[in-house]
């Protein structure tokens, strides 16, 4: 599991607290994100019970702007399944 390090991006208690989330959760990440890597997103999704992780192709840190079709398609699919 990736560590969530770096003062600006993390709270050392975050992963443990995410275990309390009890609503459907979707974690989207751009496959080319170099600001917050997909491994960070996978760690967050893994910490949330039942969360889904989706990697958005041809996108970096702003998948909703860089690949809006794939981003919204992933959101629409998730919403249709919950």
PDB file of N, CA and C in Angstrom:
ATOM      1  N   UNK A   1       0.856  -1.177   0.000  1.00  0.00           N
ATOM      2  CA  UNK A   1       0.000   0.000   0.000  1.00  0.00           C
ATOM      3  C   UNK A   1       0.894   1.228   0.000  1.00  0.00           C
ATOM      4  N   UNK A   2       0.540   2.196  -0.786  1.00  0.00           N
ATOM      5  CA  UNK A   2       1.292   3.440  -0.845  1.00  0.00           C
ATOM      6  C   UNK A   2       1.136   4.192   0.466  1.00  0.00           C
ATOM      7  N   UNK A   3       2.167   4.891   0.826  1.00  0.00           N
ATOM      8  CA  UNK A   3       2.054   5.734   2.008  1.00  0.00           C
ATOM      9  C   UNK A   3       1.554   7.097   1.585  1.00  0.00           C
ATOM     10  N   UNK A   4       0.868   7.740   2.469  1.00  0.00           N
ATOM     11  CA  UNK A   4       0.354   9.075   2.192  1.00  0.00           C
ATOM     12  C   UNK A   4       1.250  10.046   2.930  1.00  0.00           C
ATOM     13  N   UNK A   5       2.350  10.407   2.306  1.00  0.00           N
ATOM     14  CA  UNK A   5       3.338  11.255   2.956  1.00  0.00           C
ATOM     15  C   UNK A   5       3.327  12.644   2.350  1.00  0.00           C
ATOM     16  N   UNK A   6       3.915  13.566   3.065  1.00  0.00           N
ATOM     17  CA  UNK A   6       4.000  14.940   2.588  1.00  0.00           C
ATOM     18  C   UNK A   6       2.980  15.799   3.291  1.00  0.00           C
ATOM     19  N   UNK A   7       3.446  16.762   3.975  1.00  0.00           N
ATOM     20  CA  UNK A   7       2.586  17.581   4.828  1.00  0.00           C
ATOM     21  C   UNK A   7       1.416  18.204   4.074  1.00  0.00           C
ATOM     22  N   UNK A   8       1.612  18.660   2.854  1.00  0.00           N
ATOM     23  CA  UNK A   8       0.548  19.348   2.129  1.00  0.00           C
ATOM     24  C   UNK A   8      -0.543  18.395   1.637  1.00  0.00           C
ATOM     25  N   UNK A   9      -0.240  17.125   1.473  1.00  0.00           N
ATOM     26  CA  UNK A   9      -1.182  16.202   0.854  1.00  0.00           C
ATOM     27  C   UNK A   9      -1.739  15.157   1.792  1.00  0.00           C
ATOM     28  N   UNK A  10      -1.304  15.131   3.033  1.00  0.00           N
ATOM     29  CA  UNK A  10      -1.759  14.003   3.831  1.00  0.00           C
ATOM     30  C   UNK A  10      -2.053  14.363   5.271  1.00  0.00           C
ATOM     31  N   UNK A  11      -2.770  13.473   5.842  1.00  0.00           N
ATOM     32  CA  UNK A  11      -3.058  13.459   7.263  1.00  0.00           C
ATOM     33  C   UNK A  11      -2.662  12.050   7.688  1.00  0.00           C
ATOM     34  N   UNK A  12      -1.752  11.894   8.621  1.00  0.00           N
ATOM     35  CA  UNK A  12      -1.287  10.556   8.968  1.00  0.00           C
ATOM     36  C   UNK A  12      -2.390   9.640   9.490  1.00  0.00           C
ATOM     37  N   UNK A  13      -3.520  10.180   9.849  1.00  0.00           N
ATOM     38  CA  UNK A  13      -4.619   9.344  10.334  1.00  0.00           C
ATOM     39  C   UNK A  13      -5.662   9.063   9.257  1.00  0.00           C
ATOM     40  N   UNK A  14      -5.427   9.568   8.054  1.00  0.00           N
ATOM     41  CA  UNK A  14      -6.438   9.473   6.999  1.00  0.00           C
ATOM     42  C   UNK A  14      -6.840   8.040   6.669  1.00  0.00           C
ATOM     43  N   UNK A  15      -5.877   7.190   6.361  1.00  0.00           N
ATOM     44  CA  UNK A  15      -6.227   5.837   5.929  1.00  0.00           C
ATOM     45  C   UNK A  15      -7.057   5.107   6.976  1.00  0.00           C
ATOM     46  N   UNK A  16      -6.707   5.231   8.217  1.00  0.00           N
ATOM     47  CA  UNK A  16      -7.469   4.563   9.276  1.00  0.00           C
ATOM     48  C   UNK A  16      -8.879   5.124   9.366  1.00  0.00           C
ATOM     49  N   UNK A  17      -9.028   6.422   9.194  1.00  0.00           N
ATOM     50  CA  UNK A  17     -10.353   7.034   9.289  1.00  0.00           C
ATOM     51  C   UNK A  17     -11.233   6.699   8.094  1.00  0.00           C
ATOM     52  N   UNK A  18     -10.636   6.464   6.946  1.00  0.00           N
ATOM     53  CA  UNK A  18     -11.427   6.138   5.751  1.00  0.00           C
ATOM     54  C   UNK A  18     -12.163   4.814   5.898  1.00  0.00           C
ATOM     55  N   UNK A  19     -11.719   3.967   6.785  1.00  0.00           N
ATOM     56  CA  UNK A  19     -12.406   2.705   7.034  1.00  0.00           C
ATOM     57  C   UNK A  19     -13.814   2.893   7.570  1.00  0.00           C
ATOM     58  N   UNK A  20     -14.119   4.083   8.061  1.00  0.00           N
ATOM     59  CA  UNK A  20     -15.450   4.372   8.600  1.00  0.00           C
ATOM     60  C   UNK A  20     -16.441   4.827   7.534  1.00  0.00           C
ATOM     61  N   UNK A  21     -15.978   5.054   6.329  1.00  0.00           N
ATOM     62  CA  UNK A  21     -16.877   5.494   5.257  1.00  0.00           C
ATOM     63  C   UNK A  21     -17.845   4.358   4.956  1.00  0.00           C
ATOM     64  N   UNK A  22     -19.142   4.671   4.978  1.00  0.00           N
ATOM     65  CA  UNK A  22     -20.135   3.613   4.742  1.00  0.00           C
ATOM     66  C   UNK A  22     -21.134   3.987   3.654  1.00  0.00           C
ATOM     67  N   UNK A  23     -20.659   4.724   2.679  1.00  0.00           N
ATOM     68  CA  UNK A  23     -21.457   5.074   1.510  1.00  0.00           C
ATOM     69  C   UNK A  23     -20.667   4.653   0.271  1.00  0.00           C
ATOM     70  N   UNK A  24     -21.336   4.421  -0.842  1.00  0.00           N
ATOM     71  CA  UNK A  24     -20.602   4.081  -2.062  1.00  0.00           C
ATOM     72  C   UNK A  24     -19.583   5.171  -2.403  1.00  0.00           C
ATOM     73  N   UNK A  25     -18.396   4.735  -2.788  1.00  0.00           N
ATOM     74  CA  UNK A  25     -17.325   5.687  -3.086  1.00  0.00           C
ATOM     75  C   UNK A  25     -16.634   5.325  -4.391  1.00  0.00           C
ATOM     76  N   UNK A  26     -16.364   6.332  -5.165  1.00  0.00           N
ATOM     77  CA  UNK A  26     -15.642   6.197  -6.426  1.00  0.00           C
ATOM     78  C   UNK A  26     -14.422   7.099  -6.355  1.00  0.00           C
ATOM     79  N   UNK A  27     -13.254   6.526  -6.596  1.00  0.00           N
ATOM     80  CA  UNK A  27     -12.006   7.281  -6.587  1.00  0.00           C
ATOM     81  C   UNK A  27     -11.477   7.279  -8.015  1.00  0.00           C
ATOM     82  N   UNK A  28     -11.431   8.448  -8.634  1.00  0.00           N
ATOM     83  CA  UNK A  28     -10.963   8.601 -10.016  1.00  0.00           C
ATOM     84  C   UNK A  28      -9.581   9.231 -10.029  1.00  0.00           C
ATOM     85  N   UNK A  29      -8.708   8.715 -10.873  1.00  0.00           N
ATOM     86  CA  UNK A  29      -7.369   9.277 -11.016  1.00  0.00           C
ATOM     87  C   UNK A  29      -6.965   9.250 -12.470  1.00  0.00           C
ATOM     88  N   UNK A  30      -6.264  10.289 -12.900  1.00  0.00           N
ATOM     89  CA  UNK A  30      -5.678  10.304 -14.236  1.00  0.00           C
ATOM     90  C   UNK A  30      -4.468   9.394 -14.263  1.00  0.00           C
ATOM     91  N   UNK A  31      -4.352   8.584 -15.305  1.00  0.00           N
ATOM     92  CA  UNK A  31      -3.255   7.621 -15.372  1.00  0.00           C
ATOM     93  C   UNK A  31      -1.886   8.283 -15.417  1.00  0.00           C
ATOM     94  N   UNK A  32      -1.824   9.538 -15.834  1.00  0.00           N
ATOM     95  CA  UNK A  32      -0.547  10.242 -15.946  1.00  0.00           C
ATOM     96  C   UNK A  32      -0.372  11.304 -14.877  1.00  0.00           C
ATOM     97  N   UNK A  33      -1.143  11.235 -13.808  1.00  0.00           N
ATOM     98  CA  UNK A  33      -1.053  12.248 -12.751  1.00  0.00           C
ATOM     99  C   UNK A  33       0.323  12.191 -12.107  1.00  0.00           C
ATOM    100  N   UNK A  34       1.038  13.294 -12.173  1.00  0.00           N
ATOM    101  CA  UNK A  34       2.361  13.376 -11.560  1.00  0.00           C
ATOM    102  C   UNK A  34       2.339  14.246 -10.313  1.00  0.00           C
ATOM    103  N   UNK A  35       1.204  14.851 -10.026  1.00  0.00           N
ATOM    104  CA  UNK A  35       1.063  15.659  -8.815  1.00  0.00           C
ATOM    105  C   UNK A  35       0.726  14.744  -7.648  1.00  0.00           C
ATOM    106  N   UNK A  36      -0.301  13.942  -7.826  1.00  0.00           N
ATOM    107  CA  UNK A  36      -0.717  12.938  -6.842  1.00  0.00           C
ATOM    108  C   UNK A  36      -0.868  11.641  -7.630  1.00  0.00           C
ATOM    109  N   UNK A  37       0.049  10.736  -7.449  1.00  0.00           N
ATOM    110  CA  UNK A  37       0.114   9.557  -8.303  1.00  0.00           C
ATOM    111  C   UNK A  37      -1.086   8.627  -8.125  1.00  0.00           C
ATOM    112  N   UNK A  38      -1.355   7.822  -9.138  1.00  0.00           N
ATOM    113  CA  UNK A  38      -2.427   6.844  -9.013  1.00  0.00           C
ATOM    114  C   UNK A  38      -2.245   5.898  -7.820  1.00  0.00           C
ATOM    115  N   UNK A  39      -1.025   5.623  -7.414  1.00  0.00           N
ATOM    116  CA  UNK A  39      -0.815   4.780  -6.240  1.00  0.00           C
ATOM    117  C   UNK A  39      -1.442   5.403  -4.992  1.00  0.00           C
ATOM    118  N   UNK A  40      -1.413   6.707  -4.908  1.00  0.00           N
ATOM    119  CA  UNK A  40      -2.059   7.413  -3.802  1.00  0.00           C
ATOM    120  C   UNK A  40      -3.564   7.158  -3.849  1.00  0.00           C
ATOM    121  N   UNK A  41      -4.144   7.278  -5.023  1.00  0.00           N
ATOM    122  CA  UNK A  41      -5.575   7.027  -5.181  1.00  0.00           C
ATOM    123  C   UNK A  41      -5.943   5.595  -4.871  1.00  0.00           C
ATOM    124  N   UNK A  42      -5.109   4.651  -5.286  1.00  0.00           N
ATOM    125  CA  UNK A  42      -5.369   3.244  -4.977  1.00  0.00           C
ATOM    126  C   UNK A  42      -5.341   3.003  -3.471  1.00  0.00           C
ATOM    127  N   UNK A  43      -4.399   3.641  -2.782  1.00  0.00           N
ATOM    128  CA  UNK A  43      -4.320   3.486  -1.319  1.00  0.00           C
ATOM    129  C   UNK A  43      -5.576   4.042  -0.657  1.00  0.00           C
ATOM    130  N   UNK A  44      -6.053   5.166  -1.141  1.00  0.00           N
ATOM    131  CA  UNK A  44      -7.282   5.751  -0.595  1.00  0.00           C
ATOM    132  C   UNK A  44      -8.459   4.819  -0.867  1.00  0.00           C
ATOM    133  N   UNK A  45      -8.590   4.352  -2.098  1.00  0.00           N
ATOM    134  CA  UNK A  45      -9.701   3.456  -2.441  1.00  0.00           C
ATOM    135  C   UNK A  45      -9.629   2.162  -1.641  1.00  0.00           C
ATOM    136  N   UNK A  46      -8.434   1.628  -1.458  1.00  0.00           N
ATOM    137  CA  UNK A  46      -8.281   0.396  -0.687  1.00  0.00           C
ATOM    138  C   UNK A  46      -8.692   0.586   0.772  1.00  0.00           C
ATOM    139  N   UNK A  47      -8.555   1.796   1.268  1.00  0.00           N
ATOM    140  CA  UNK A  47      -8.885   2.073   2.671  1.00  0.00           C
ATOM    141  C   UNK A  47     -10.384   2.276   2.897  1.00  0.00           C
ATOM    142  N   UNK A  48     -11.135   2.517   1.832  1.00  0.00           N
ATOM    143  CA  UNK A  48     -12.587   2.727   1.937  1.00  0.00           C
ATOM    144  C   UNK A  48     -13.289   1.416   1.605  1.00  0.00           C
ATOM    145  N   UNK A  49     -14.044   0.868   2.555  1.00  0.00           N
ATOM    146  CA  UNK A  49     -14.717  -0.407   2.294  1.00  0.00           C
ATOM    147  C   UNK A  49     -15.605  -0.338   1.039  1.00  0.00           C
ATOM    148  N   UNK A  50     -15.345  -1.254   0.114  1.00  0.00           N
ATOM    149  CA  UNK A  50     -16.159  -1.348  -1.093  1.00  0.00           C
ATOM    150  C   UNK A  50     -15.941  -0.266  -2.127  1.00  0.00           C
ATOM    151  N   UNK A  51     -14.961   0.587  -1.927  1.00  0.00           N
ATOM    152  CA  UNK A  51     -14.730   1.675  -2.890  1.00  0.00           C
ATOM    153  C   UNK A  51     -14.256   1.127  -4.226  1.00  0.00           C
ATOM    154  N   UNK A  52     -14.567   1.849  -5.269  1.00  0.00           N
ATOM    155  CA  UNK A  52     -14.121   1.508  -6.613  1.00  0.00           C
ATOM    156  C   UNK A  52     -13.056   2.519  -7.033  1.00  0.00           C
ATOM    157  N   UNK A  53     -11.981   2.010  -7.610  1.00  0.00           N
ATOM    158  CA  UNK A  53     -10.910   2.847  -8.141  1.00  0.00           C
ATOM    159  C   UNK A  53     -10.957   2.767  -9.656  1.00  0.00           C
ATOM    160  N   UNK A  54     -10.943   3.917 -10.319  1.00  0.00           N
ATOM    161  CA  UNK A  54     -10.942   3.954 -11.778  1.00  0.00           C
ATOM    162  C   UNK A  54      -9.802   4.847 -12.239  1.00  0.00           C
ATOM    163  N   UNK A  55      -8.992   4.316 -13.121  1.00  0.00           N
ATOM    164  CA  UNK A  55      -7.893   5.053 -13.722  1.00  0.00           C
ATOM    165  C   UNK A  55      -8.384   5.617 -15.050  1.00  0.00           C
ATOM    166  N   UNK A  56      -8.321   6.918 -15.201  1.00  0.00           N
ATOM    167  CA  UNK A  56      -8.793   7.583 -16.418  1.00  0.00           C
ATOM    168  C   UNK A  56      -7.631   7.682 -17.409  1.00  0.00           C
ATOM    169  N   UNK A  57      -7.784   7.068 -18.587  1.00  0.00           N
ATOM    170  CA  UNK A  57      -6.708   7.117 -19.575  1.00  0.00           C
ATOM    171  C   UNK A  57      -6.558   8.511 -20.179  1.00  0.00           C
ATOM    172  N   UNK A  58      -5.370   8.765 -20.698  1.00  0.00           N
ATOM    173  CA  UNK A  58      -5.084  10.028 -21.393  1.00  0.00           C
ATOM    174  C   UNK A  58      -5.430  11.235 -20.536  1.00  0.00           C
ATOM    175  N   UNK A  59      -5.111  11.136 -19.243  1.00  0.00           N
ATOM    176  CA  UNK A  59      -5.380  12.238 -18.327  1.00  0.00           C
ATOM    177  C   UNK A  59      -4.311  12.280 -17.252  1.00  0.00           C
ATOM    178  N   UNK A  60      -4.090  13.489 -16.757  1.00  0.00           N
ATOM    179  CA  UNK A  60      -3.163  13.680 -15.657  1.00  0.00           C
ATOM    180  C   UNK A  60      -3.918  14.078 -14.411  1.00  0.00           C
ATOM    181  N   UNK A  61      -3.529  15.200 -13.824  1.00  0.00           N
ATOM    182  CA  UNK A  61      -4.088  15.638 -12.550  1.00  0.00           C
ATOM    183  C   UNK A  61      -5.516  16.165 -12.659  1.00  0.00           C
ATOM    184  N   UNK A  62      -5.946  16.502 -13.841  1.00  0.00           N
ATOM    185  CA  UNK A  62      -7.292  17.058 -14.034  1.00  0.00           C
ATOM    186  C   UNK A  62      -8.085  16.219 -15.027  1.00  0.00           C
ATOM    187  N   UNK A  63      -8.412  14.987 -14.669  1.00  0.00           N
ATOM    188  CA  UNK A  63      -9.079  14.113 -15.641  1.00  0.00           C
ATOM    189  C   UNK A  63     -10.415  14.648 -16.127  1.00  0.00           C
ATOM    190  N   UNK A  64     -11.101  15.396 -15.296  1.00  0.00           N
ATOM    191  CA  UNK A  64     -12.406  15.946 -15.712  1.00  0.00           C
ATOM    192  C   UNK A  64     -12.245  16.988 -16.818  1.00  0.00           C
ATOM    193  N   UNK A  65     -11.049  17.578 -16.932  1.00  0.00           N
ATOM    194  CA  UNK A  65     -10.772  18.531 -18.015  1.00  0.00           C
ATOM    195  C   UNK A  65     -10.004  17.885 -19.162  1.00  0.00           C
ATOM    196  N   UNK A  66      -9.113  16.966 -18.837  1.00  0.00           N
ATOM    197  CA  UNK A  66      -8.239  16.359 -19.842  1.00  0.00           C
ATOM    198  C   UNK A  66      -8.904  15.220 -20.613  1.00  0.00           C
ATOM    199  N   UNK A  67      -9.811  14.531 -19.974  1.00  0.00           N
ATOM    200  CA  UNK A  67     -10.557  13.458 -20.638  1.00  0.00           C
ATOM    201  C   UNK A  67     -11.965  13.410 -20.038  1.00  0.00           C
ATOM    202  N   UNK A  68     -12.742  14.453 -20.307  1.00  0.00           N
ATOM    203  CA  UNK A  68     -14.073  14.524 -19.690  1.00  0.00           C
ATOM    204  C   UNK A  68     -14.993  13.368 -20.089  1.00  0.00           C
ATOM    205  N   UNK A  69     -14.895  12.883 -21.312  1.00  0.00           N
ATOM    206  CA  UNK A  69     -15.774  11.791 -21.730  1.00  0.00           C
ATOM    207  C   UNK A  69     -15.548  10.545 -20.879  1.00  0.00           C
ATOM    208  N   UNK A  70     -14.291  10.171 -20.683  1.00  0.00           N
ATOM    209  CA  UNK A  70     -13.990   8.990 -19.865  1.00  0.00           C
ATOM    210  C   UNK A  70     -14.345   9.231 -18.402  1.00  0.00           C
ATOM    211  N   UNK A  71     -14.109  10.446 -17.922  1.00  0.00           N
ATOM    212  CA  UNK A  71     -14.421  10.768 -16.527  1.00  0.00           C
ATOM    213  C   UNK A  71     -15.914  10.662 -16.285  1.00  0.00           C
ATOM    214  N   UNK A  72     -16.702  11.318 -17.112  1.00  0.00           N
ATOM    215  CA  UNK A  72     -18.158  11.303 -16.908  1.00  0.00           C
ATOM    216  C   UNK A  72     -18.750   9.931 -17.175  1.00  0.00           C
ATOM    217  N   UNK A  73     -18.185   9.201 -18.109  1.00  0.00           N
ATOM    218  CA  UNK A  73     -18.648   7.836 -18.361  1.00  0.00           C
ATOM    219  C   UNK A  73     -18.428   6.961 -17.122  1.00  0.00           C
ATOM    220  N   UNK A  74     -17.285   7.115 -16.485  1.00  0.00           N
ATOM    221  CA  UNK A  74     -16.994   6.358 -15.261  1.00  0.00           C
ATOM    222  C   UNK A  74     -17.950   6.741 -14.142  1.00  0.00           C
ATOM    223  N   UNK A  75     -18.231   8.024 -14.013  1.00  0.00           N
ATOM    224  CA  UNK A  75     -19.164   8.487 -12.982  1.00  0.00           C
ATOM    225  C   UNK A  75     -20.570   7.979 -13.281  1.00  0.00           C
ATOM    226  N   UNK A  76     -21.000   8.090 -14.532  1.00  0.00           N
ATOM    227  CA  UNK A  76     -22.335   7.614 -14.906  1.00  0.00           C
ATOM    228  C   UNK A  76     -22.490   6.115 -14.642  1.00  0.00           C
ATOM    229  N   UNK A  77     -21.469   5.334 -14.998  1.00  0.00           N
ATOM    230  CA  UNK A  77     -21.510   3.887 -14.765  1.00  0.00           C
ATOM    231  C   UNK A  77     -21.615   3.590 -13.272  1.00  0.00           C
ATOM    232  N   UNK A  78     -20.799   4.280 -12.489  1.00  0.00           N
ATOM    233  CA  UNK A  78     -20.825   4.082 -11.042  1.00  0.00           C
ATOM    234  C   UNK A  78     -22.200   4.413 -10.474  1.00  0.00           C
ATOM    235  N   UNK A  79     -22.751   5.535 -10.870  1.00  0.00           N
ATOM    236  CA  UNK A  79     -24.061   5.948 -10.344  1.00  0.00           C
ATOM    237  C   UNK A  79     -25.180   4.986 -10.757  1.00  0.00           C
ATOM    238  N   UNK A  80     -25.061   4.430 -11.951  1.00  0.00           N
ATOM    239  CA  UNK A  80     -26.091   3.484 -12.410  1.00  0.00           C
ATOM    240  C   UNK A  80     -26.037   2.169 -11.641  1.00  0.00           C
ATOM    241  N   UNK A  81     -24.882   1.864 -11.051  1.00  0.00           N
ATOM    242  CA  UNK A  81     -24.702   0.585 -10.367  1.00  0.00           C
ATOM    243  C   UNK A  81     -24.970   0.666  -8.868  1.00  0.00           C
ATOM    244  N   UNK A  82     -25.104   1.860  -8.332  1.00  0.00           N
ATOM    245  CA  UNK A  82     -25.341   1.944  -6.870  1.00  0.00           C
ATOM    246  C   UNK A  82     -26.818   2.042  -6.559  1.00  0.00           C
TER     247      UNK A  82
END
